[in-house]
Amino acid sequence: MRTAVALFTRDLRVADNPVLAAAAEADRMVALFVLDDAVLAGDFNRPNRAGFLAECLADLRAALRKRGGDLVVRSGATTDQVARLAEQTDATTVHVAGDVSGHAQRREERLHKRLAGAGVELRVHSDALFVVPPGRITPAGRDHMAVFTPYFRRWEATTTRPPVPTPRRLHSVRVRSGRLPTAQGICDGVESPERPAGGEREGRRRMSAWLRGPIDAYADRHDDLAGDATSRLSPYLHFGCLSPHELRARAVDRGGAGADAFVRQLAWRDFHAQVLAARPDAAAADYRTRGDRWRHDPAEFDAWRSGQTGVPIVDAAMRQLRLEGWMHNRARMLVAHFLIKTLYLDWRAGAAHFLDLLVDGDIANNTMNWQWTAGTGTDTRPNRQYNLIRQAHRHDPHGEYVRRYLPELATIPGPQVHEPWRLPPDVRDGVDYPDPIVDLMAARERFRRGRDR
């Protein structure tokens, strides 16, 4: 009698999950999630993601039990816990989703060695978390592609797997399932008060609502800060509550310019993953160094982090991050630009702060987007700079986004809210909001001089 282990990691769903579907083909199976000591003790473990994860695990256990299975929860080193459960259940195969971070790659190597020594096969499903797995698209003589446009052309033309059926009935091995963790048990700390709810059911509800209509306007409105016209599905993709294959297929079926633009964002997600898979060191080191001698100014960094820079579009976005554990994609680019190319502070500090709060804090997407903005990543124009005030007027023309997250500026009418320091003195005196911590134009020149050294 064949027994298989389905090791859940960042694929916390039952729908279109190759790991679960393959394990369910055995005579018996057991689903396992390990609260890895190394992850819990590391910098990546943060309250927002801990709360979201706890809800995901509760939802996953309920979905598995509905199908006659269960979710076994263990704590410790993943390799030890998987090997122990495989021995306990006489499992011959362990299934796991392929992932790209340095931690995930090392985990896979350790599992291969440990399980092979026990005569257990490890099957890695590289297409569980990505539409096109890392390594599938490569140029001649290289292990990854560094320019998005040619990558996207090949990504669109790549044949991908169809969604796999969701098992209706699971034949599980009876073992002690263990208690589900609480958010505080995973990471002690205060969560953002308006972070999204976790779990596959919530993710699928949001996906269905998005695909029923709002996606149609995505091409025209995805940069509309006040309109909030993005899908907000990134946390559910990060934790694998949603399948990128299913999401892409349903968006393609919907069709139209909005769906095309949205699918392109799924390709960006895969693009960043294949870069990090090939260069895991890029999580902390420049992908392409520019010889920067970053400034070190704790006071300016604290002002940025707390949303007190005196630049409303930046402060509103940083307050949104703290309040919701999420930030609009256009706003992410603007605040990153301000930190790096206005204050000339190290992109790594900004990336780390994002990972402190983002529910969708994904190593590949977060790091490579920060590096793109810094010009140390895959951007072919490393010194590009934006006029932040012009960007604010373009993407928040009536100032609604700023007033939503900066209540101290709520009485300033229209687009004037983007430049409160230009208000008449009698109006400005009644506003409890700081002046900009830096002269924006002078800072642009400072960055140019820093890069020209």
Protein backbone atom coordinates (compact mmCIF):
# COMPACT_ATOMS: atom_id res chain seq x y z
CA MET A 1 0.00 0.00 0.00
CA ARG A 2 1.55 3.28 -1.16
CA THR A 3 1.57 6.24 1.22
CA ALA A 4 2.45 9.79 0.22
CA VAL A 5 3.09 12.96 2.20
CA ALA A 6 1.88 16.32 0.88
CA LEU A 7 4.18 18.91 2.43
CA PHE A 8 2.43 22.28 2.33
CA THR A 9 4.64 25.36 2.28
CA ARG A 10 3.40 28.39 0.29
CA ASP A 11 0.60 26.49 -1.45
CA LEU A 12 -2.13 26.70 1.18
CA ARG A 13 -5.10 25.62 -0.92
CA VAL A 14 -6.93 22.53 -2.15
CA ALA A 15 -7.96 23.87 -5.59
CA ASP A 16 -5.47 23.39 -8.44
CA ASN A 17 -2.72 22.20 -6.14
CA PRO A 18 -0.36 19.72 -7.85
CA VAL A 19 1.18 18.78 -4.50
CA LEU A 20 -2.13 17.69 -2.99
CA ALA A 21 -3.45 16.17 -6.21
CA ALA A 22 -0.34 14.01 -6.69
CA ALA A 23 -0.29 12.85 -3.07
CA ALA A 24 -3.99 11.99 -3.28
CA GLU A 25 -3.22 9.50 -6.09
CA ALA A 26 -1.47 7.22 -3.58
CA ASP A 27 -3.41 4.60 -1.64
CA ARG A 28 -3.08 6.74 1.47
CA MET A 29 -1.84 10.25 2.08
CA VAL A 30 -1.09 12.67 4.87
CA ALA A 31 -0.98 16.47 4.60
CA LEU A 32 1.70 18.23 6.65
CA PHE A 33 2.64 21.80 7.51
CA VAL A 34 5.75 22.51 9.54
CA LEU A 35 6.23 25.63 11.64
CA ASP A 36 9.96 25.72 10.97
CA ASP A 37 12.08 26.96 13.86
CA ALA A 38 14.47 28.71 11.46
CA VAL A 39 11.63 30.69 9.90
CA LEU A 40 9.99 31.53 13.22
CA ALA A 41 13.26 32.85 14.60
CA GLY A 42 14.18 34.78 11.46
CA ASP A 43 13.60 38.31 10.23
CA PHE A 44 10.86 37.17 7.85
CA ASN A 45 8.45 36.18 10.64
CA ARG A 46 6.27 39.23 11.31
CA PRO A 47 2.85 39.79 12.95
CA ASN A 48 0.84 40.62 9.81
CA ARG A 49 1.96 37.52 7.93
CA ALA A 50 1.66 35.43 11.10
CA GLY A 51 -1.98 36.41 11.53
CA PHE A 52 -2.72 35.78 7.87
CA LEU A 53 -0.91 32.42 7.99
CA ALA A 54 -2.85 31.27 11.06
CA GLU A 55 -6.12 31.95 9.23
CA CYS A 56 -4.83 30.18 6.12
CA LEU A 57 -3.96 27.06 8.10
CA ALA A 58 -7.35 26.98 9.82
CA ASP A 59 -9.08 27.32 6.47
CA LEU A 60 -6.89 24.63 4.89
CA ARG A 61 -7.54 22.17 7.71
CA ALA A 62 -11.29 22.72 7.35
CA ALA A 63 -11.11 22.15 3.58
CA LEU A 64 -9.08 18.94 4.01
CA ARG A 65 -11.41 17.61 6.72
CA LYS A 66 -14.38 18.27 4.47
CA ARG A 67 -12.77 15.82 2.04
CA GLY A 68 -11.99 13.18 4.65
CA GLY A 69 -8.44 14.32 5.29
CA ASP A 70 -6.70 16.50 7.85
CA LEU A 71 -3.78 18.87 8.21
CA VAL A 72 -0.98 17.64 10.44
CA VAL A 73 0.85 20.54 12.08
CA ARG A 74 4.32 20.05 13.51
CA SER A 75 7.01 22.39 14.88
CA GLY A 76 10.76 22.07 14.51
CA ALA A 77 13.15 21.68 11.60
CA THR A 78 11.23 20.88 8.41
CA THR A 79 13.66 18.15 7.37
CA ASP A 80 13.39 16.38 10.72
CA GLN A 81 9.61 16.59 10.88
CA VAL A 82 9.09 15.35 7.31
CA ALA A 83 11.49 12.45 7.79
CA ARG A 84 9.84 11.52 11.09
CA LEU A 85 6.35 11.55 9.61
CA ALA A 86 7.45 9.59 6.54
CA GLU A 87 8.92 6.91 8.80
CA GLN A 88 5.84 6.89 11.05
CA THR A 89 3.44 6.41 8.12
CA ASP A 90 5.70 4.20 5.92
CA ALA A 91 5.50 6.85 3.21
CA THR A 92 7.39 6.19 -0.01
CA THR A 93 6.99 9.64 -1.55
CA VAL A 94 6.95 13.24 -0.32
CA HIS A 95 5.47 15.96 -2.55
CA VAL A 96 6.39 19.64 -2.18
CA ALA A 97 6.06 22.84 -4.20
CA GLY A 98 9.22 24.21 -5.77
CA ASP A 99 10.18 27.67 -4.54
CA VAL A 100 12.90 30.21 -5.25
CA SER A 101 14.27 31.83 -2.09
CA GLY A 102 17.62 30.79 -0.70
CA HIS A 103 15.84 29.26 2.30
CA ALA A 104 13.51 27.25 0.05
CA GLN A 105 16.38 26.00 -2.11
CA ARG A 106 18.38 24.90 0.92
CA ARG A 107 15.29 23.19 2.38
CA GLU A 108 14.82 21.23 -0.82
CA GLU A 109 18.46 20.13 -0.86
CA ARG A 110 18.27 18.95 2.75
CA LEU A 111 15.04 17.07 2.09
CA HIS A 112 16.54 15.34 -0.94
CA LYS A 113 19.54 14.12 1.05
CA ARG A 114 17.62 13.09 4.17
CA LEU A 115 14.79 11.30 2.37
CA ALA A 116 17.05 9.58 -0.18
CA GLY A 117 18.95 8.07 2.73
CA ALA A 118 15.67 6.60 4.00
CA GLY A 119 14.59 5.33 0.59
CA VAL A 120 11.85 7.97 0.23
CA GLU A 121 11.38 9.84 -3.06
CA LEU A 122 11.03 13.64 -2.99
CA ARG A 123 8.93 14.99 -5.84
CA VAL A 124 9.18 18.74 -6.36
CA HIS A 125 6.30 20.37 -8.22
CA SER A 126 7.87 23.44 -9.79
CA ASP A 127 4.56 24.62 -11.29
CA ALA A 128 2.58 24.82 -8.05
CA LEU A 129 3.48 28.43 -7.25
CA PHE A 130 4.25 29.93 -10.67
CA VAL A 131 2.62 29.96 -14.10
CA VAL A 132 5.97 29.37 -15.81
CA PRO A 133 8.46 27.86 -13.35
CA PRO A 134 11.94 29.36 -12.99
CA GLY A 135 14.38 27.83 -15.45
CA ARG A 136 11.75 27.05 -18.07
CA ILE A 137 12.59 30.20 -20.07
CA THR A 138 16.32 30.84 -20.49
CA PRO A 139 18.50 32.54 -23.10
CA ALA A 140 21.38 30.69 -24.72
CA GLY A 141 24.23 30.20 -22.31
CA ARG A 142 22.49 31.74 -19.27
CA ASP A 143 20.30 30.46 -16.46
CA HIS A 144 17.74 33.30 -16.45
CA MET A 145 16.50 36.31 -18.39
CA ALA A 146 17.31 39.81 -17.18
CA VAL A 147 15.04 41.91 -19.44
CA PHE A 148 11.28 41.67 -18.99
CA THR A 149 9.93 42.40 -22.49
CA PRO A 150 11.60 39.47 -24.30
CA TYR A 151 10.85 37.30 -21.28
CA PHE A 152 7.17 38.23 -21.49
CA ARG A 153 6.97 37.37 -25.19
CA ARG A 154 8.31 33.90 -24.45
CA TRP A 155 6.19 33.61 -21.29
CA GLU A 156 3.01 34.24 -23.32
CA ALA A 157 4.03 31.60 -25.88
CA THR A 158 4.96 28.94 -23.31
CA THR A 159 2.60 25.99 -23.00
CA THR A 160 1.54 25.62 -19.39
CA ARG A 161 -0.30 22.91 -17.53
CA PRO A 162 -4.09 22.97 -17.21
CA PRO A 163 -5.54 23.32 -13.71
CA VAL A 164 -5.46 19.99 -11.86
CA PRO A 165 -8.71 18.61 -10.40
CA THR A 166 -9.41 19.19 -6.74
CA PRO A 167 -9.56 15.83 -4.91
CA ARG A 168 -13.11 15.05 -3.84
CA ARG A 169 -12.10 12.42 -1.31
CA LEU A 170 -8.85 11.96 0.57
CA HIS A 171 -7.77 8.62 2.05
CA SER A 172 -5.71 9.79 4.95
CA VAL A 173 -3.40 8.06 7.36
CA ARG A 174 -4.59 8.46 10.94
CA VAL A 175 -1.93 10.34 12.88
CA ARG A 176 -2.06 12.98 15.58
CA SER A 177 -2.92 16.20 13.76
CA GLY A 178 -1.61 18.68 16.32
CA ARG A 179 -3.06 22.02 17.34
CA LEU A 180 -3.42 24.85 14.90
CA PRO A 181 -1.16 27.78 15.78
CA THR A 182 -2.50 31.16 16.80
CA ALA A 183 -1.18 34.38 15.34
CA GLN A 184 0.55 35.20 18.63
CA GLY A 185 1.97 31.70 18.77
CA ILE A 186 3.64 32.23 15.40
CA CYS A 187 4.86 35.78 16.02
CA ASP A 188 4.22 37.95 19.03
CA GLY A 189 3.36 41.53 18.13
CA VAL A 190 0.68 43.93 16.97
CA GLU A 191 -0.92 43.42 13.57
CA SER A 192 -2.11 46.15 11.24
CA PRO A 193 -5.72 46.89 12.24
CA GLU A 194 -7.08 46.58 8.70
CA ARG A 195 -5.01 43.73 7.28
CA PRO A 196 -6.92 41.39 4.93
CA ALA A 197 -8.37 38.11 6.16
CA GLY A 198 -6.44 34.98 5.22
CA GLY A 199 -7.47 31.69 3.68
CA GLU A 200 -8.44 30.06 0.41
CA ARG A 201 -12.15 30.76 0.81
CA GLU A 202 -11.54 34.47 1.23
CA GLY A 203 -9.08 34.47 -1.64
CA ARG A 204 -11.53 32.76 -3.96
CA ARG A 205 -14.29 35.15 -2.96
CA ARG A 206 -12.08 38.10 -3.82
CA MET A 207 -10.91 36.50 -7.07
CA SER A 208 -14.48 35.88 -8.22
CA ALA A 209 -15.49 39.44 -7.36
CA TRP A 210 -12.47 40.82 -9.24
CA LEU A 211 -13.13 38.73 -12.35
CA ARG A 212 -16.83 39.59 -12.44
CA GLY A 213 -16.13 43.14 -13.58
CA PRO A 214 -13.44 45.30 -11.92
CA ILE A 215 -10.69 43.60 -13.95
CA ASP A 216 -12.16 45.14 -17.12
CA ALA A 217 -10.99 48.61 -16.06
CA TYR A 218 -7.55 47.50 -14.89
CA ALA A 219 -5.61 48.72 -17.94
CA ASP A 220 -6.98 52.23 -17.55
CA ARG A 221 -7.21 52.51 -13.78
CA HIS A 222 -4.45 50.39 -12.22
CA ASP A 223 -2.49 53.55 -11.30
CA ASP A 224 -5.52 55.32 -9.81
CA LEU A 225 -4.48 55.64 -6.18
CA ALA A 226 -7.78 56.91 -4.82
CA GLY A 227 -9.84 54.52 -6.94
CA ASP A 228 -7.99 51.50 -5.49
CA ALA A 229 -8.65 49.72 -8.78
CA THR A 230 -6.21 46.84 -8.32
CA SER A 231 -7.13 43.27 -7.44
CA ARG A 232 -5.56 43.13 -3.95
CA LEU A 233 -4.97 39.44 -4.60
CA SER A 234 -1.22 39.54 -3.93
CA PRO A 235 -1.43 38.20 -0.34
CA TYR A 236 -3.42 35.21 -1.58
CA LEU A 237 -0.90 34.52 -4.33
CA HIS A 238 2.00 34.85 -1.89
CA PHE A 239 0.55 32.27 0.51
CA GLY A 240 -0.74 30.09 -2.33
CA CYS A 241 -4.39 30.48 -1.35
CA LEU A 242 -4.95 31.07 -5.06
CA SER A 243 -3.38 29.26 -7.98
CA PRO A 244 -1.64 31.57 -10.49
CA HIS A 245 -2.52 29.05 -13.21
CA GLU A 246 -6.23 29.25 -12.43
CA LEU A 247 -6.11 33.02 -12.05
CA ARG A 248 -4.40 33.44 -15.40
CA ALA A 249 -6.77 31.02 -17.14
CA ARG A 250 -9.86 32.75 -15.80
CA ALA A 251 -8.49 36.19 -16.67
CA VAL A 252 -7.73 35.04 -20.21
CA ASP A 253 -11.25 33.65 -20.50
CA ARG A 254 -12.59 37.02 -19.40
CA GLY A 255 -10.57 38.72 -22.13
CA GLY A 256 -10.15 42.38 -22.94
CA ALA A 257 -7.51 45.02 -22.34
CA GLY A 258 -7.96 44.91 -18.57
CA ALA A 259 -7.40 41.18 -18.41
CA ASP A 260 -4.37 41.44 -20.70
CA ALA A 261 -2.80 44.08 -18.46
CA PHE A 262 -3.52 42.00 -15.36
CA VAL A 263 -2.01 38.84 -16.87
CA ARG A 264 1.11 40.86 -17.62
CA GLN A 265 1.46 41.44 -13.86
CA LEU A 266 1.40 37.67 -13.30
CA ALA A 267 4.26 37.45 -15.77
CA TRP A 268 6.20 40.07 -13.80
CA ARG A 269 5.74 37.86 -10.73
CA ASP A 270 7.28 34.90 -12.57
CA PHE A 271 10.02 37.10 -14.01
CA HIS A 272 11.17 38.20 -10.57
CA ALA A 273 10.99 34.62 -9.31
CA GLN A 274 13.28 33.31 -12.05
CA VAL A 275 15.78 36.09 -11.35
CA LEU A 276 15.92 35.26 -7.64
CA ALA A 277 16.02 31.52 -8.29
CA ALA A 278 19.17 32.02 -10.32
CA ARG A 279 20.61 34.70 -8.06
CA PRO A 280 19.40 34.05 -4.49
CA ASP A 281 22.12 36.41 -3.25
CA ALA A 282 20.13 39.28 -4.82
CA ALA A 283 17.81 39.14 -1.82
CA ALA A 284 20.46 41.20 -0.01
CA ALA A 285 23.11 42.17 -2.57
CA ASP A 286 22.95 44.40 -5.63
CA TYR A 287 22.02 42.44 -8.72
CA ARG A 288 24.03 45.01 -10.69
CA THR A 289 26.15 47.19 -8.47
CA ARG A 290 26.29 50.93 -9.18
CA GLY A 291 29.03 51.72 -6.69
CA ASP A 292 26.64 53.61 -4.41
CA ARG A 293 27.88 55.06 -1.16
CA TRP A 294 24.53 55.24 0.54
CA ARG A 295 23.88 57.96 3.07
CA HIS A 296 23.08 56.94 6.65
CA ASP A 297 20.52 59.20 8.32
CA PRO A 298 18.38 57.49 10.99
CA ALA A 299 16.20 60.59 11.47
CA GLU A 300 15.27 60.77 7.78
CA PHE A 301 14.64 57.02 7.66
CA ASP A 302 12.37 57.22 10.71
CA ALA A 303 10.45 60.10 9.12
CA TRP A 304 9.97 57.99 5.98
CA ARG A 305 8.98 54.90 7.93
CA SER A 306 6.44 56.77 10.09
CA GLY A 307 4.92 58.81 7.27
CA GLN A 308 6.26 62.16 8.46
CA THR A 309 8.43 63.28 5.54
CA GLY A 310 6.32 66.35 4.71
CA VAL A 311 5.65 64.96 1.21
CA PRO A 312 1.96 63.99 1.35
CA ILE A 313 1.92 61.31 -1.36
CA VAL A 314 4.79 59.51 0.39
CA ASP A 315 3.36 59.87 3.87
CA ALA A 316 -0.11 58.72 2.82
CA ALA A 317 1.32 55.56 1.31
CA MET A 318 3.43 54.79 4.37
CA ARG A 319 0.41 55.28 6.62
CA GLN A 320 -1.61 52.94 4.39
CA LEU A 321 1.10 50.30 4.79
CA ARG A 322 0.98 50.53 8.57
CA LEU A 323 -2.83 50.55 8.67
CA GLU A 324 -3.56 47.76 6.18
CA GLY A 325 -0.40 45.69 5.77
CA TRP A 326 -0.72 46.49 2.08
CA MET A 327 0.11 49.35 -0.26
CA HIS A 328 -1.03 50.30 -3.75
CA ASN A 329 1.54 49.24 -6.34
CA ARG A 330 2.06 52.75 -7.76
CA ALA A 331 2.51 54.06 -4.23
CA ARG A 332 5.13 51.37 -3.53
CA MET A 333 7.19 52.67 -6.41
CA LEU A 334 6.86 56.30 -5.30
CA VAL A 335 7.87 55.71 -1.67
CA ALA A 336 10.77 53.52 -2.78
CA HIS A 337 11.88 56.24 -5.18
CA PHE A 338 11.74 58.82 -2.40
CA LEU A 339 13.84 56.72 -0.03
CA ILE A 340 16.44 55.76 -2.61
CA LYS A 341 16.70 58.59 -5.11
CA THR A 342 15.55 61.52 -3.01
CA LEU A 343 17.03 60.68 0.40
CA TYR A 344 19.74 58.46 -1.14
CA LEU A 345 19.31 55.83 1.57
CA ASP A 346 20.03 52.15 1.01
CA TRP A 347 17.28 50.19 -0.74
CA ARG A 348 17.85 47.27 1.66
CA ALA A 349 16.52 49.32 4.60
CA GLY A 350 13.34 50.09 2.67
CA ALA A 351 12.89 46.50 1.53
CA ALA A 352 13.29 45.28 5.11
CA HIS A 353 10.66 47.72 6.38
CA PHE A 354 8.24 46.58 3.69
CA LEU A 355 8.80 42.98 4.78
CA ASP A 356 8.08 44.01 8.35
CA LEU A 357 4.52 45.01 7.42
CA LEU A 358 3.42 43.65 4.04
CA VAL A 359 1.08 40.67 4.21
CA ASP A 360 2.16 39.89 0.64
CA GLY A 361 5.83 40.28 1.63
CA ASP A 362 7.36 38.07 -1.04
CA ILE A 363 11.15 37.85 -1.16
CA ALA A 364 11.35 37.79 -4.97
CA ASN A 365 8.77 40.48 -5.75
CA ASN A 366 9.69 42.76 -2.88
CA THR A 367 13.44 42.59 -3.34
CA MET A 368 13.54 42.76 -7.11
CA ASN A 369 11.03 45.63 -7.26
CA TRP A 370 13.13 47.58 -4.77
CA GLN A 371 16.23 46.84 -6.81
CA TRP A 372 14.44 47.88 -10.01
CA THR A 373 13.63 51.24 -8.44
CA ALA A 374 17.15 51.60 -7.10
CA GLY A 375 18.62 50.90 -10.52
CA THR A 376 20.66 48.05 -9.05
CA GLY A 377 18.33 45.38 -10.45
CA THR A 378 17.06 44.57 -13.92
CA ASP A 379 16.03 48.10 -14.94
CA THR A 380 17.92 49.15 -18.07
CA ARG A 381 17.71 52.82 -16.98
CA PRO A 382 19.37 52.77 -13.56
CA ASN A 383 19.36 56.54 -13.07
CA ARG A 384 15.72 57.19 -13.92
CA GLN A 385 14.06 59.71 -11.62
CA TYR A 386 10.49 60.83 -11.10
CA ASN A 387 9.06 64.17 -10.15
CA LEU A 388 7.08 62.99 -7.12
CA ILE A 389 4.78 66.00 -7.04
CA ARG A 390 3.92 65.55 -10.69
CA GLN A 391 3.32 61.86 -10.04
CA ALA A 392 1.01 62.77 -7.14
CA HIS A 393 -1.07 65.13 -9.28
CA ARG A 394 -1.26 62.56 -12.09
CA HIS A 395 -2.29 59.55 -10.03
CA ASP A 396 -4.27 61.30 -7.27
CA PRO A 397 -5.56 64.37 -9.15
CA HIS A 398 -8.14 65.38 -6.56
CA GLY A 399 -6.06 64.50 -3.51
CA GLU A 400 -8.53 61.86 -2.30
CA TYR A 401 -5.88 59.24 -1.59
CA VAL A 402 -3.80 61.64 0.49
CA ARG A 403 -6.76 62.86 2.53
CA ARG A 404 -7.90 59.27 3.14
CA TYR A 405 -4.67 58.38 4.95
CA LEU A 406 -3.57 61.79 6.25
CA PRO A 407 -6.51 63.10 8.27
CA GLU A 408 -4.49 66.16 9.32
CA LEU A 409 -4.75 67.34 5.70
CA ALA A 410 -8.45 66.51 5.28
CA THR A 411 -9.54 70.16 5.19
CA ILE A 412 -7.22 71.15 2.33
CA PRO A 413 -9.28 71.18 -0.89
CA GLY A 414 -8.49 69.48 -4.17
CA PRO A 415 -4.99 68.96 -5.51
CA GLN A 416 -3.52 71.62 -3.20
CA VAL A 417 -3.17 68.83 -0.66
CA HIS A 418 -0.10 67.57 -2.54
CA GLU A 419 1.86 70.76 -1.80
CA PRO A 420 0.66 72.07 1.59
CA TRP A 421 3.88 74.06 2.05
CA ARG A 422 2.70 76.31 -0.82
CA LEU A 423 -0.53 77.26 0.94
CA PRO A 424 -1.04 80.83 2.17
CA PRO A 425 0.49 81.27 5.64
CA ASP A 426 -2.88 81.75 7.34
CA VAL A 427 -4.10 78.41 5.97
CA ARG A 428 -0.79 76.63 6.50
CA ASP A 429 -0.60 77.70 10.15
CA GLY A 430 -3.77 75.77 10.88
CA VAL A 431 -2.42 72.49 9.54
CA ASP A 432 -0.48 70.19 11.86
CA TYR A 433 1.80 68.73 9.21
CA PRO A 434 5.59 69.03 8.78
CA ASP A 435 7.46 70.80 6.01
CA PRO A 436 9.40 68.49 3.66
CA ILE A 437 12.46 67.03 5.35
CA VAL A 438 14.48 67.62 2.18
CA ASP A 439 14.42 69.97 -0.79
CA LEU A 440 13.16 67.72 -3.58
CA MET A 441 15.06 69.37 -6.44
CA ALA A 442 18.31 69.60 -4.50
CA ALA A 443 17.99 65.95 -3.55
CA ARG A 444 17.61 64.97 -7.21
CA GLU A 445 20.93 66.64 -7.93
CA ARG A 446 22.53 64.96 -4.92
CA PHE A 447 21.53 61.56 -6.27
CA ARG A 448 22.95 62.38 -9.70
CA ARG A 449 26.22 63.44 -8.15
CA GLY A 450 26.31 60.24 -6.05
CA ARG A 451 25.84 58.05 -9.10
CA ASP A 452 28.31 60.05 -11.21
CA ARG A 453 31.23 59.54 -8.85
